[in-house]
Amino acid sequence: MLSDAHVDMQYRADGDPASRCRNQTLNNLKKVFRKFGHFQCDTPIELLISAISAAKRLDSDVDFVIWLG
């Protein structure tokens, strides 16, 4: 069971954290690409998929997972 993951389907890897990583703005001209997220933004779907895939590879007999952040 997975609950309360806060996945942002509008996340942009080149998005400005000031806009919750949803838009490129003049404040983010460096074009820093963050495929797996930024600590000021909700989780992009790529991070969620990667984390679940890694957990399954590491141990497919997991009773529960605590996901923070």
C-alpha atoms as a PDB file:
ATOM      1  CA  MET A   1       0.000   0.000   0.000  1.00  0.00           C
ATOM      2  CA  LEU A   2       1.235   3.499  -0.851  1.00  0.00           C
ATOM      3  CA  SER A   3      -0.326   6.573   0.670  1.00  0.00           C
ATOM      4  CA  ASP A   4       0.204  10.325   0.593  1.00  0.00           C
ATOM      5  CA  ALA A   5       3.157  10.491  -1.803  1.00  0.00           C
ATOM      6  CA  HIS A   6       2.465  14.087  -2.979  1.00  0.00           C
ATOM      7  CA  VAL A   7       3.353  13.413  -6.608  1.00  0.00           C
ATOM      8  CA  ASP A   8       3.331  16.533  -8.774  1.00  0.00           C
ATOM      9  CA  MET A   9       2.242  15.630 -12.294  1.00  0.00           C
ATOM     10  CA  GLN A  10       3.101  19.192 -13.459  1.00  0.00           C
ATOM     11  CA  TYR A  11       6.714  19.022 -12.212  1.00  0.00           C
ATOM     12  CA  ARG A  12       9.335  20.291 -14.689  1.00  0.00           C
ATOM     13  CA  ALA A  13      12.971  19.240 -14.365  1.00  0.00           C
ATOM     14  CA  ASP A  14      13.988  22.764 -15.432  1.00  0.00           C
ATOM     15  CA  GLY A  15      11.360  24.438 -13.260  1.00  0.00           C
ATOM     16  CA  ASP A  16      12.055  27.181 -10.751  1.00  0.00           C
ATOM     17  CA  PRO A  17      11.577  26.078  -7.114  1.00  0.00           C
ATOM     18  CA  ALA A  18       9.897  29.462  -6.499  1.00  0.00           C
ATOM     19  CA  SER A  19       7.079  28.257  -8.781  1.00  0.00           C
ATOM     20  CA  ARG A  20       7.012  24.789  -7.158  1.00  0.00           C
ATOM     21  CA  CYS A  21       9.172  23.528 -10.068  1.00  0.00           C
ATOM     22  CA  ARG A  22       6.259  23.903 -12.458  1.00  0.00           C
ATOM     23  CA  ASN A  23       7.493  26.801 -14.598  1.00  0.00           C
ATOM     24  CA  GLN A  24      10.774  28.103 -15.927  1.00  0.00           C
ATOM     25  CA  THR A  25      11.187  31.702 -14.782  1.00  0.00           C
ATOM     26  CA  LEU A  26      13.700  34.502 -15.172  1.00  0.00           C
ATOM     27  CA  ASN A  27      14.978  33.627 -11.684  1.00  0.00           C
ATOM     28  CA  ASN A  28      16.003  30.187 -12.941  1.00  0.00           C
ATOM     29  CA  LEU A  29      18.020  31.035 -16.036  1.00  0.00           C
ATOM     30  CA  LYS A  30      20.732  28.517 -15.127  1.00  0.00           C
ATOM     31  CA  LYS A  31      18.400  25.779 -16.446  1.00  0.00           C
ATOM     32  CA  VAL A  32      19.381  23.329 -13.734  1.00  0.00           C
ATOM     33  CA  PHE A  33      17.783  20.005 -14.595  1.00  0.00           C
ATOM     34  CA  ARG A  34      16.503  17.989 -11.641  1.00  0.00           C
ATOM     35  CA  LYS A  35      14.933  14.834 -13.032  1.00  0.00           C
ATOM     36  CA  PHE A  36      14.368  13.339  -9.576  1.00  0.00           C
ATOM     37  CA  GLY A  37      13.136  16.468  -7.817  1.00  0.00           C
ATOM     38  CA  HIS A  38      14.083  19.403  -5.660  1.00  0.00           C
ATOM     39  CA  PHE A  39      13.690  19.632  -1.886  1.00  0.00           C
ATOM     40  CA  GLN A  40      11.377  22.662  -2.206  1.00  0.00           C
ATOM     41  CA  CYS A  41       8.986  20.904  -4.591  1.00  0.00           C
ATOM     42  CA  ASP A  42       6.682  17.902  -4.466  1.00  0.00           C
ATOM     43  CA  THR A  43       7.869  14.565  -5.830  1.00  0.00           C
ATOM     44  CA  PRO A  44       8.034  14.158  -9.613  1.00  0.00           C
ATOM     45  CA  ILE A  45       6.601  10.920 -10.984  1.00  0.00           C
ATOM     46  CA  GLU A  46      10.108   9.814 -12.089  1.00  0.00           C
ATOM     47  CA  LEU A  47      11.279   9.758  -8.466  1.00  0.00           C
ATOM     48  CA  LEU A  48       8.279   7.759  -7.285  1.00  0.00           C
ATOM     49  CA  ILE A  49       8.682   5.178 -10.054  1.00  0.00           C
ATOM     50  CA  SER A  50      12.431   4.920  -9.412  1.00  0.00           C
ATOM     51  CA  ALA A  51      11.974   4.488  -5.653  1.00  0.00           C
ATOM     52  CA  ILE A  52       9.323   1.786  -6.022  1.00  0.00           C
ATOM     53  CA  SER A  53      11.389  -0.053  -8.645  1.00  0.00           C
ATOM     54  CA  ALA A  54      14.505   0.055  -6.452  1.00  0.00           C
ATOM     55  CA  ALA A  55      12.583  -1.171  -3.399  1.00  0.00           C
ATOM     56  CA  LYS A  56      11.211  -4.101  -5.399  1.00  0.00           C
ATOM     57  CA  ARG A  57      14.707  -5.018  -6.665  1.00  0.00           C
ATOM     58  CA  LEU A  58      16.224  -4.795  -3.184  1.00  0.00           C
ATOM     59  CA  ASP A  59      13.569  -6.845  -1.397  1.00  0.00           C
ATOM     60  CA  SER A  60      10.318  -8.038  -2.933  1.00  0.00           C
ATOM     61  CA  ASP A  61       8.980  -9.260   0.441  1.00  0.00           C
ATOM     62  CA  VAL A  62       8.524  -5.898   2.197  1.00  0.00           C
ATOM     63  CA  ASP A  63       5.846  -5.561   4.869  1.00  0.00           C
ATOM     64  CA  PHE A  64       5.691  -1.774   4.873  1.00  0.00           C
ATOM     65  CA  VAL A  65       7.560   1.339   3.754  1.00  0.00           C
ATOM     66  CA  ILE A  66       7.784   4.730   5.445  1.00  0.00           C
ATOM     67  CA  TRP A  67       8.176   7.496   2.854  1.00  0.00           C
ATOM     68  CA  LEU A  68       9.102  10.921   4.179  1.00  0.00           C
ATOM     69  CA  GLY A  69       9.482  14.152   2.287  1.00  0.00           C
END
